Amino acid sequence: MDKKKQLAKNTVIIFMGRVCTQFISYFLLPLYTSHLLASEYGLVDLVQTYVTLLVPIITLELEMSVFRYLIDYRGNEKDTKKLLSNNFFILGIGLLVFCLLYIFITSFITIPFRWLILADVIICVLSGNFLQIARGFGKTVDYSISCILTGFTTIFSNIFMICIYHKGAYGMIFSMAFANFVCAFYLFFRLKLYKYFQFSKVDFKLIKKMNHYSIPLIPNGISWWIINASDRSIVSFVLGAGANGLYAISNKFPNIISSLTGVFNLSWSESAALHINSPDRDEFFSDITNTVFKLFTSMGVGMLAVLPFLFPIFINSSYNEAYQYIPILILATIFNVIICLYSQVYLAKKLSKQVASTAVLGAIINIVINVLFIKRIGLYAAAISTAVSYFVMMIYRHIDLKKYVHITFEKGLILKTILIFTFSIYFYYKNVFIFNVLSFFVALIYAILLNRKLLLASTKVVLKKVHIIKN
């Protein structure tokens, strides 16, 4: 199958699943903002933030190593069984050490929902690992089904725990843990992972090889956590949990783009690994980068155009301040789209150290700006620090990546992007009805013109499929 068609097929299959888990939270926003105080929502967001930090430390980013090597081992049952036996061995040791440390530390300090958070971390580690194994096997359909199960479980569990039993923040954390448990349970039996562990196959040379790839990703994961989450920690410490609740809501809308980026990158990482040494590599990677950049910048401009209409519908008036920080965070997200595309090229070349070093740079910039300006300009400091750190990382990776793959942007694309964002942000802050309507139509026309090749290609595929079905 053609490289681009295979990438598109995998992206669509993964999207069908990930849309459930990634976008359920947006459909539940009216429920959260009407049933939870800003301080409660801020607490839950902080818990999620620290779970995100702990998972890569506990696992040593092992799931990324497993995914990468499973691609190389496809069709080789012996090597696959050996790889996964070592994966489960390391995972078990990591979870045991974490549980002992967690129980010891939390016996001296008070943590809300102590045991629930421990269960949440363990389940997130397992579900994350199993999801990457499914991808490594090439089982994108099973991957998507597990995500769909997670999404529907999240909906029903949240309604049950928050609306019916009024469990507030506890109910929301419980729902997240239970949904991930359903995901892990399904994949464990669907992929028959119990068949892939044999203690006799534990090989410390292989463990060293796996860790050589994955351990450099730990500082990368922590750095990404710092960029994404130090804002929350500093905001909560300096401005309080209520301010963190507002900032969390501001991030919800740009995170739609981030979620879609994540969906694409799941299939892109596989394609990048498979075709990193192809003769037409530079052309292929440049083509994908330009297509994705145009698509996601159109989404960003479109979001700025529709939010003046949608924000009052989805968000309770007590969270209105969150509206002010969204444009800055959307810009940051667009920078992050390119960063993520470049990350997969590094990982395809097995250059995990380069990924980590650039992420550390971004983390340092993020913390410095936050610390210097959080007391002076409040939540704007958190949003600006994220945008600046992403921008620097994007520029650095674009220059550094030329050593390995020569990626070029279409002539005039960057200038057009700057102009349309300037226009859209200006009218967003004006927030006058006639300007909002004008901004909407401009965004629509811009998106159609910029992505006309992609739209035409997609239309041809759909018409061809319809024709085949009719005949």
Protein backbone atom coordinates (compact mmCIF):
# COMPACT_ATOMS: atom_id res chain seq x y z
CA MET A 1 0.00 0.00 0.00
CA ASP A 2 1.17 3.56 -0.77
CA LYS A 3 2.96 5.19 2.19
CA LYS A 4 0.53 8.12 2.40
CA LYS A 5 -2.54 5.89 2.06
CA GLN A 6 -1.28 3.59 4.81
CA LEU A 7 -0.61 6.60 7.05
CA ALA A 8 -4.10 7.99 6.32
CA LYS A 9 -5.73 4.59 6.97
CA ASN A 10 -3.98 4.12 10.32
CA THR A 11 -4.79 7.71 11.31
CA VAL A 12 -8.51 7.25 10.57
CA ILE A 13 -8.68 3.95 12.51
CA ILE A 14 -6.86 5.40 15.52
CA PHE A 15 -8.92 8.60 15.34
CA MET A 16 -12.16 6.62 15.54
CA GLY A 17 -10.99 5.23 18.85
CA ARG A 18 -9.08 8.12 20.35
CA VAL A 19 -11.89 10.57 19.67
CA CYS A 20 -13.81 8.84 22.44
CA THR A 21 -11.18 9.23 25.14
CA GLN A 22 -9.76 12.56 24.00
CA PHE A 23 -13.01 14.38 23.36
CA ILE A 24 -15.29 12.93 26.02
CA SER A 25 -13.90 15.48 28.47
CA TYR A 26 -15.09 18.33 26.22
CA PHE A 27 -18.63 16.97 26.08
CA LEU A 28 -18.53 16.61 29.86
CA LEU A 29 -17.37 20.20 30.43
CA PRO A 30 -20.91 21.48 31.18
CA LEU A 31 -21.24 18.70 33.78
CA TYR A 32 -17.88 19.46 35.38
CA THR A 33 -18.28 23.24 35.49
CA SER A 34 -21.84 23.04 36.86
CA HIS A 35 -21.17 20.36 39.52
CA LEU A 36 -17.59 21.15 40.57
CA LEU A 37 -16.16 24.28 42.13
CA ALA A 38 -13.14 25.80 40.40
CA SER A 39 -11.01 24.65 43.37
CA GLU A 40 -12.30 21.05 42.99
CA TYR A 41 -11.65 21.03 39.27
CA GLY A 42 -8.22 22.51 39.92
CA LEU A 43 -7.47 19.69 42.39
CA VAL A 44 -8.45 17.00 39.88
CA ASP A 45 -6.35 18.68 37.19
CA LEU A 46 -3.39 18.72 39.57
CA VAL A 47 -3.83 15.00 40.32
CA GLN A 48 -3.90 14.24 36.58
CA THR A 49 -0.81 16.37 36.16
CA TYR A 50 1.21 14.43 38.74
CA VAL A 51 -0.01 11.06 37.48
CA THR A 52 1.30 12.12 34.06
CA LEU A 53 4.68 12.84 35.68
CA LEU A 54 4.89 9.58 37.61
CA VAL A 55 3.99 7.17 34.81
CA PRO A 56 7.13 7.68 32.61
CA ILE A 57 9.37 7.61 35.70
CA ILE A 58 7.90 4.32 36.93
CA THR A 59 8.02 2.69 33.50
CA LEU A 60 11.36 4.19 32.42
CA GLU A 61 9.45 5.09 29.22
CA LEU A 62 9.60 1.36 28.51
CA GLU A 63 6.43 1.32 26.41
CA MET A 64 8.09 3.51 23.75
CA SER A 65 11.01 1.09 23.50
CA VAL A 66 8.62 -1.87 23.28
CA PHE A 67 6.60 -0.20 20.52
CA ARG A 68 9.71 0.64 18.49
CA TYR A 69 11.22 -2.84 18.72
CA LEU A 70 7.92 -4.63 18.12
CA ILE A 71 7.82 -2.94 14.70
CA ASP A 72 11.21 -4.52 13.91
CA TYR A 73 10.11 -7.90 15.31
CA ARG A 74 6.80 -8.21 13.44
CA GLY A 75 6.41 -11.79 12.20
CA ASN A 76 9.10 -13.05 14.60
CA GLU A 77 7.19 -14.80 17.41
CA LYS A 78 10.32 -15.87 19.28
CA ASP A 79 11.82 -12.38 19.55
CA THR A 80 8.41 -10.87 20.30
CA LYS A 81 7.86 -13.22 23.24
CA LYS A 82 11.34 -12.49 24.57
CA LEU A 83 10.83 -8.72 24.25
CA LEU A 84 7.47 -8.76 26.05
CA SER A 85 8.70 -11.10 28.79
CA ASN A 86 11.38 -8.56 29.63
CA ASN A 87 8.86 -5.73 29.31
CA PHE A 88 6.54 -7.28 31.90
CA PHE A 89 9.47 -8.12 34.19
CA ILE A 90 10.72 -4.51 34.23
CA LEU A 91 7.16 -3.22 34.58
CA GLY A 92 6.51 -5.45 37.61
CA ILE A 93 9.72 -4.35 39.34
CA GLY A 94 8.97 -0.68 38.65
CA LEU A 95 5.43 -0.90 40.04
CA LEU A 96 6.59 -2.78 43.15
CA VAL A 97 9.27 -0.18 43.95
CA PHE A 98 6.82 2.67 43.34
CA CYS A 99 4.12 1.16 45.58
CA LEU A 100 6.56 0.69 48.46
CA LEU A 101 7.91 4.25 48.13
CA TYR A 102 4.42 5.72 47.77
CA ILE A 103 3.10 3.96 50.89
CA PHE A 104 6.17 5.02 52.87
CA ILE A 105 6.07 8.68 51.78
CA THR A 106 2.31 9.12 52.16
CA SER A 107 2.49 7.78 55.73
CA PHE A 108 4.23 11.06 56.62
CA ILE A 109 2.30 13.54 54.45
CA THR A 110 -1.41 13.94 53.87
CA ILE A 111 -2.59 13.41 50.30
CA PRO A 112 -6.28 13.63 49.37
CA PHE A 113 -7.66 10.34 48.01
CA ARG A 114 -4.39 8.56 48.85
CA TRP A 115 -5.35 5.00 47.86
CA LEU A 116 -7.44 6.03 44.88
CA ILE A 117 -4.50 7.95 43.40
CA LEU A 118 -2.22 4.92 43.93
CA ALA A 119 -4.70 2.72 42.07
CA ASP A 120 -5.02 5.33 39.33
CA VAL A 121 -1.25 5.42 38.76
CA ILE A 122 -0.94 1.61 38.61
CA ILE A 123 -3.83 1.29 36.17
CA CYS A 124 -2.50 4.12 33.98
CA VAL A 125 0.90 2.40 33.80
CA LEU A 126 -0.67 -0.88 32.68
CA SER A 127 -3.13 0.61 30.18
CA GLY A 128 -0.42 2.81 28.65
CA ASN A 129 1.91 -0.14 28.23
CA PHE A 130 -0.77 -2.39 26.73
CA LEU A 131 -1.83 0.33 24.28
CA GLN A 132 1.71 0.64 22.94
CA ILE A 133 1.96 -3.15 22.59
CA ALA A 134 -1.25 -3.11 20.52
CA ARG A 135 0.31 -0.48 18.25
CA GLY A 136 3.55 -2.42 18.02
CA PHE A 137 1.58 -5.50 16.93
CA GLY A 138 -0.10 -3.36 14.26
CA LYS A 139 -3.48 -4.00 15.93
CA THR A 140 -4.85 -0.52 15.33
CA VAL A 141 -8.46 -1.75 15.37
CA ASP A 142 -8.04 -3.32 18.82
CA TYR A 143 -6.28 -0.16 19.93
CA SER A 144 -9.27 1.91 18.80
CA ILE A 145 -11.84 -0.42 20.37
CA SER A 146 -10.07 -0.16 23.73
CA CYS A 147 -10.18 3.64 23.44
CA ILE A 148 -13.90 3.56 22.62
CA LEU A 149 -14.54 1.39 25.69
CA THR A 150 -12.54 3.87 27.78
CA GLY A 151 -14.58 6.78 26.43
CA PHE A 152 -18.00 5.29 27.11
CA THR A 153 -16.92 4.06 30.54
CA THR A 154 -15.77 7.59 31.37
CA ILE A 155 -19.16 9.04 30.41
CA PHE A 156 -21.30 6.64 32.40
CA SER A 157 -18.99 6.53 35.39
CA ASN A 158 -18.83 10.33 35.61
CA ILE A 159 -22.59 10.71 35.37
CA PHE A 160 -23.05 8.00 37.99
CA MET A 161 -20.39 9.29 40.43
CA ILE A 162 -20.81 13.06 40.01
CA CYS A 163 -24.49 13.61 39.16
CA ILE A 164 -26.16 10.76 41.03
CA TYR A 165 -23.86 10.13 43.99
CA HIS A 166 -22.42 13.69 44.17
CA LYS A 167 -18.86 12.48 44.79
CA GLY A 168 -17.28 15.58 43.22
CA ALA A 169 -13.51 15.43 42.76
CA TYR A 170 -13.32 11.88 44.15
CA GLY A 171 -15.90 10.71 41.63
CA MET A 172 -14.02 12.27 38.72
CA ILE A 173 -10.70 10.63 39.70
CA PHE A 174 -12.46 7.29 40.27
CA SER A 175 -14.03 7.51 36.81
CA MET A 176 -10.66 8.07 35.16
CA ALA A 177 -9.12 5.10 37.00
CA PHE A 178 -12.05 2.80 36.23
CA ALA A 179 -12.07 3.73 32.53
CA ASN A 180 -8.35 2.94 32.23
CA PHE A 181 -8.94 -0.36 34.04
CA VAL A 182 -11.52 -1.34 31.40
CA CYS A 183 -8.99 -0.46 28.68
CA ALA A 184 -6.21 -2.55 30.27
CA PHE A 185 -8.55 -5.48 30.95
CA TYR A 186 -9.77 -5.58 27.35
CA LEU A 187 -6.30 -5.42 25.78
CA PHE A 188 -4.81 -7.97 28.19
CA PHE A 189 -7.26 -10.64 27.09
CA ARG A 190 -7.84 -9.50 23.51
CA LEU A 191 -4.11 -9.55 22.69
CA LYS A 192 -3.60 -12.65 24.88
CA LEU A 193 -0.76 -10.92 26.65
CA TYR A 194 -0.72 -13.63 29.33
CA LYS A 195 0.92 -15.87 26.68
CA TYR A 196 3.90 -13.55 26.33
CA PHE A 197 5.52 -13.82 29.75
CA GLN A 198 8.09 -16.46 30.51
CA PHE A 199 10.46 -15.83 33.40
CA SER A 200 13.09 -17.98 31.70
CA LYS A 201 13.25 -15.46 28.84
CA VAL A 202 14.32 -12.57 31.07
CA ASP A 203 17.56 -11.34 29.51
CA PHE A 204 19.51 -8.54 31.15
CA LYS A 205 21.39 -7.81 27.92
CA LEU A 206 18.09 -7.19 26.17
CA ILE A 207 16.87 -5.11 29.13
CA LYS A 208 20.00 -2.98 28.78
CA LYS A 209 19.32 -2.56 25.06
CA MET A 210 15.70 -1.58 25.69
CA ASN A 211 16.70 0.86 28.41
CA HIS A 212 19.37 2.39 26.17
CA TYR A 213 16.54 3.53 23.90
CA SER A 214 13.93 4.38 26.55
CA ILE A 215 15.86 5.94 29.46
CA PRO A 216 16.92 9.07 27.51
CA LEU A 217 13.20 9.63 26.98
CA ILE A 218 12.66 9.99 30.74
CA PRO A 219 14.15 13.52 30.92
CA ASN A 220 12.17 14.20 27.75
CA GLY A 221 8.97 13.06 29.47
CA ILE A 222 9.78 15.03 32.61
CA SER A 223 10.64 18.10 30.56
CA TRP A 224 7.32 17.85 28.72
CA TRP A 225 5.66 17.50 32.09
CA ILE A 226 7.43 20.65 33.27
CA ILE A 227 6.34 22.56 30.18
CA ASN A 228 2.75 21.34 30.42
CA ALA A 229 2.38 21.01 34.15
CA SER A 230 4.79 23.30 35.97
CA ASP A 231 2.30 26.01 35.02
CA ARG A 232 -0.36 24.21 37.08
CA SER A 233 1.95 23.63 40.02
CA ILE A 234 3.21 27.21 40.12
CA VAL A 235 -0.28 28.63 39.54
CA SER A 236 -1.72 26.48 42.35
CA PHE A 237 1.12 27.44 44.71
CA VAL A 238 1.13 31.18 43.97
CA LEU A 239 -2.46 31.93 42.89
CA GLY A 240 -4.40 29.02 44.43
CA ALA A 241 -6.39 25.98 43.24
CA GLY A 242 -9.21 28.20 41.96
CA ALA A 243 -6.85 29.94 39.51
CA ASN A 244 -5.58 26.54 38.42
CA GLY A 245 -9.18 25.54 37.71
CA LEU A 246 -9.54 28.56 35.41
CA TYR A 247 -6.27 27.76 33.67
CA ALA A 248 -7.32 24.14 33.22
CA ILE A 249 -10.50 25.29 31.45
CA SER A 250 -8.43 27.62 29.22
CA ASN A 251 -6.37 24.63 28.16
CA LYS A 252 -9.37 22.46 27.37
CA PHE A 253 -10.05 24.06 23.98
CA PRO A 254 -6.44 24.20 22.65
CA ASN A 255 -6.12 20.62 23.89
CA ILE A 256 -8.61 19.60 21.19
CA ILE A 257 -5.86 20.38 18.68
CA SER A 258 -3.27 18.67 20.89
CA SER A 259 -5.47 15.58 21.08
CA LEU A 260 -5.80 15.43 17.30
CA THR A 261 -2.05 15.90 17.02
CA GLY A 262 -1.60 12.98 19.39
CA VAL A 263 -3.93 10.84 17.28
CA PHE A 264 -1.99 11.63 14.11
CA ASN A 265 1.37 11.05 15.79
CA LEU A 266 0.34 7.56 16.84
CA SER A 267 0.17 6.55 13.18
CA TRP A 268 2.92 8.97 12.09
CA SER A 269 5.42 7.39 14.49
CA GLU A 270 4.92 4.03 12.78
CA SER A 271 5.21 5.47 9.26
CA ALA A 272 8.28 7.50 10.20
CA ALA A 273 9.99 4.40 11.59
CA LEU A 274 9.10 2.32 8.53
CA HIS A 275 10.20 4.90 5.93
CA ILE A 276 13.05 6.77 7.61
CA ASN A 277 15.57 5.21 5.20
CA SER A 278 13.45 5.44 2.03
CA PRO A 279 15.08 7.06 -1.06
CA ASP A 280 12.34 9.73 -1.21
CA ARG A 281 12.53 10.36 2.53
CA ASP A 282 13.03 14.15 2.38
CA GLU A 283 10.17 14.65 -0.05
CA PHE A 284 7.83 12.38 1.93
CA PHE A 285 8.59 13.98 5.30
CA SER A 286 8.32 17.53 3.90
CA ASP A 287 5.01 16.71 2.22
CA ILE A 288 3.52 15.30 5.44
CA THR A 289 4.84 18.22 7.53
CA ASN A 290 3.32 20.82 5.19
CA THR A 291 -0.02 19.01 4.97
CA VAL A 292 -0.30 18.60 8.74
CA PHE A 293 0.82 22.16 9.45
CA LYS A 294 -1.80 23.61 7.08
CA LEU A 295 -4.52 21.40 8.52
CA PHE A 296 -3.79 22.23 12.14
CA THR A 297 -3.25 25.96 11.63
CA SER A 298 -6.67 26.00 9.95
CA MET A 299 -8.10 24.30 13.04
CA GLY A 300 -6.47 26.91 15.28
CA VAL A 301 -7.89 29.80 13.25
CA GLY A 302 -11.26 28.07 13.14
CA MET A 303 -11.27 27.62 16.90
CA LEU A 304 -10.58 31.32 17.42
CA ALA A 305 -13.52 32.06 15.12
CA VAL A 306 -16.11 29.80 16.81
CA LEU A 307 -15.17 30.13 20.49
CA PRO A 308 -16.87 33.53 20.96
CA PHE A 309 -20.12 31.67 20.14
CA LEU A 310 -19.42 28.33 21.88
CA PHE A 311 -17.62 29.38 25.08
CA PRO A 312 -20.76 30.77 26.81
CA ILE A 313 -22.67 27.58 25.90
CA PHE A 314 -20.12 25.07 27.22
CA ILE A 315 -18.66 26.96 30.17
CA ASN A 316 -20.38 28.20 33.30
CA SER A 317 -20.15 31.98 33.77
CA SER A 318 -18.04 31.56 36.92
CA TYR A 319 -15.19 30.43 34.61
CA ASN A 320 -15.44 33.39 32.19
CA GLU A 321 -11.93 34.65 32.93
CA ALA A 322 -10.54 31.53 31.23
CA TYR A 323 -11.61 32.99 27.85
CA GLN A 324 -8.74 35.52 27.92
CA TYR A 325 -5.86 33.04 27.83
CA ILE A 326 -7.06 30.71 25.06
CA PRO A 327 -5.50 32.49 21.99
CA ILE A 328 -2.01 32.34 23.51
CA LEU A 329 -2.45 28.66 24.29
CA ILE A 330 -3.74 27.96 20.76
CA LEU A 331 -0.56 29.51 19.33
CA ALA A 332 1.48 27.34 21.70
CA THR A 333 -0.40 24.28 20.49
CA ILE A 334 0.36 25.06 16.84
CA PHE A 335 4.07 25.26 17.69
CA ASN A 336 3.69 21.94 19.48
CA VAL A 337 2.23 20.32 16.33
CA ILE A 338 5.56 20.84 14.54
CA ILE A 339 7.55 19.77 17.61
CA CYS A 340 5.66 16.48 17.75
CA LEU A 341 6.16 15.83 14.05
CA TYR A 342 9.89 16.36 14.44
CA SER A 343 10.01 14.19 17.58
CA GLN A 344 8.87 11.15 15.62
CA VAL A 345 11.65 11.69 13.08
CA TYR A 346 14.23 11.69 15.89
CA LEU A 347 12.71 8.55 17.40
CA ALA A 348 12.56 6.83 14.01
CA LYS A 349 16.33 7.42 13.80
CA LYS A 350 16.56 6.12 17.41
CA LEU A 351 17.98 9.49 18.49
CA SER A 352 16.13 9.65 21.80
CA LYS A 353 18.89 11.75 23.45
CA GLN A 354 18.28 14.61 21.01
CA VAL A 355 14.59 14.54 21.83
CA ALA A 356 15.40 14.80 25.52
CA SER A 357 17.93 17.64 25.20
CA THR A 358 15.56 19.92 23.27
CA ALA A 359 12.75 19.19 25.70
CA VAL A 360 14.98 20.12 28.64
CA LEU A 361 15.71 23.46 26.96
CA GLY A 362 11.98 24.15 26.65
CA ALA A 363 11.39 23.17 30.28
CA ILE A 364 14.03 25.59 31.56
CA ILE A 365 12.54 28.47 29.55
CA ASN A 366 9.06 27.63 30.80
CA ILE A 367 10.05 27.66 34.47
CA VAL A 368 12.09 30.87 34.22
CA ILE A 369 9.27 32.86 32.59
CA ASN A 370 6.72 31.48 35.07
CA VAL A 371 8.81 32.31 38.13
CA LEU A 372 9.67 35.83 36.88
CA PHE A 373 6.19 36.92 35.81
CA ILE A 374 3.49 34.87 37.59
CA LYS A 375 3.04 37.44 40.37
CA ARG A 376 3.06 40.37 37.94
CA ILE A 377 0.68 39.24 35.21
CA GLY A 378 -1.00 36.21 36.77
CA LEU A 379 -2.28 33.47 34.47
CA TYR A 380 -0.95 35.28 31.39
CA ALA A 381 2.54 34.26 32.57
CA ALA A 382 1.57 30.58 32.48
CA ALA A 383 0.16 30.86 28.95
CA ILE A 384 3.04 32.97 27.59
CA SER A 385 5.70 30.70 29.14
CA THR A 386 4.16 27.71 27.35
CA ALA A 387 4.02 29.52 24.00
CA VAL A 388 7.60 30.84 24.21
CA SER A 389 9.08 27.50 25.29
CA TYR A 390 7.29 25.67 22.45
CA PHE A 391 8.39 28.29 19.92
CA VAL A 392 12.05 27.97 20.91
CA MET A 393 11.86 24.17 20.80
CA MET A 394 10.23 24.26 17.36
CA ILE A 395 12.93 26.52 15.89
CA TYR A 396 15.76 24.55 17.50
CA ARG A 397 14.47 21.18 16.27
CA HIS A 398 13.82 22.49 12.77
CA ILE A 399 17.46 23.59 12.48
CA ASP A 400 18.96 20.54 14.22
CA LEU A 401 16.87 18.04 12.24
CA LYS A 402 18.50 19.13 8.98
CA LYS A 403 21.45 16.93 9.98
CA TYR A 404 19.25 13.88 9.43
CA VAL A 405 16.24 14.82 7.26
CA HIS A 406 15.85 17.95 5.14
CA ILE A 407 12.30 19.22 5.75
CA THR A 408 11.19 22.34 3.84
CA PHE A 409 8.02 24.45 4.08
CA GLU A 410 6.06 25.67 1.08
CA LYS A 411 6.95 29.19 -0.04
CA GLY A 412 4.84 31.85 1.68
CA LEU A 413 3.13 29.42 4.06
CA ILE A 414 4.66 30.87 7.24
CA LEU A 415 3.81 34.48 6.26
CA LYS A 416 0.19 33.57 5.47
CA THR A 417 -0.07 31.81 8.82
CA ILE A 418 1.22 34.86 10.74
CA LEU A 419 -1.21 37.20 8.97
CA ILE A 420 -4.31 35.04 9.49
CA PHE A 421 -3.54 34.49 13.17
CA THR A 422 -3.00 38.22 13.72
CA PHE A 423 -6.38 38.93 12.14
CA SER A 424 -8.17 36.17 14.08
CA ILE A 425 -6.73 37.04 17.48
CA TYR A 426 -7.58 40.72 17.05
CA PHE A 427 -11.27 39.98 16.38
CA TYR A 428 -11.33 37.31 19.12
CA TYR A 429 -10.43 39.88 21.77
CA LYS A 430 -12.76 42.49 20.25
CA ASN A 431 -15.58 39.97 20.75
CA VAL A 432 -18.15 42.03 18.84
CA PHE A 433 -20.88 40.00 17.10
CA ILE A 434 -20.36 41.38 13.58
CA PHE A 435 -16.59 40.92 13.86
CA ASN A 436 -17.09 37.38 15.14
CA VAL A 437 -19.28 36.54 12.13
CA LEU A 438 -16.70 38.06 9.76
CA SER A 439 -13.90 36.13 11.46
CA PHE A 440 -15.86 32.89 11.09
CA PHE A 441 -16.31 33.25 7.31
CA VAL A 442 -12.70 34.35 6.79
CA ALA A 443 -11.50 31.28 8.75
CA LEU A 444 -13.75 29.00 6.69
CA ILE A 445 -12.55 30.37 3.34
CA TYR A 446 -8.92 30.28 4.51
CA ALA A 447 -9.23 26.63 5.59
CA ILE A 448 -10.80 25.58 2.28
CA LEU A 449 -8.21 27.37 0.13
CA LEU A 450 -5.23 26.28 2.20
CA ASN A 451 -6.29 22.63 2.34
CA ARG A 452 -7.86 22.34 -1.11
CA LYS A 453 -5.48 19.56 -2.26
CA LEU A 454 -6.23 17.49 0.83
CA LEU A 455 -9.98 18.12 0.48
CA LEU A 456 -9.96 17.13 -3.20
CA ALA A 457 -7.96 13.97 -2.49
CA SER A 458 -10.28 13.02 0.38
CA THR A 459 -13.36 13.67 -1.77
CA LYS A 460 -12.02 11.42 -4.53
CA VAL A 461 -11.39 8.61 -2.04
CA VAL A 462 -14.91 8.91 -0.59
CA LEU A 463 -16.54 8.98 -4.06
CA LYS A 464 -14.50 5.97 -5.11
CA LYS A 465 -15.62 4.05 -2.02
CA VAL A 466 -19.27 5.00 -2.64
CA HIS A 467 -18.97 3.86 -6.26
CA ILE A 468 -17.51 0.50 -5.17
CA ILE A 469 -20.31 -0.03 -2.63
CA LYS A 470 -23.03 0.78 -5.20
CA ASN A 471 -21.57 -1.68 -7.69
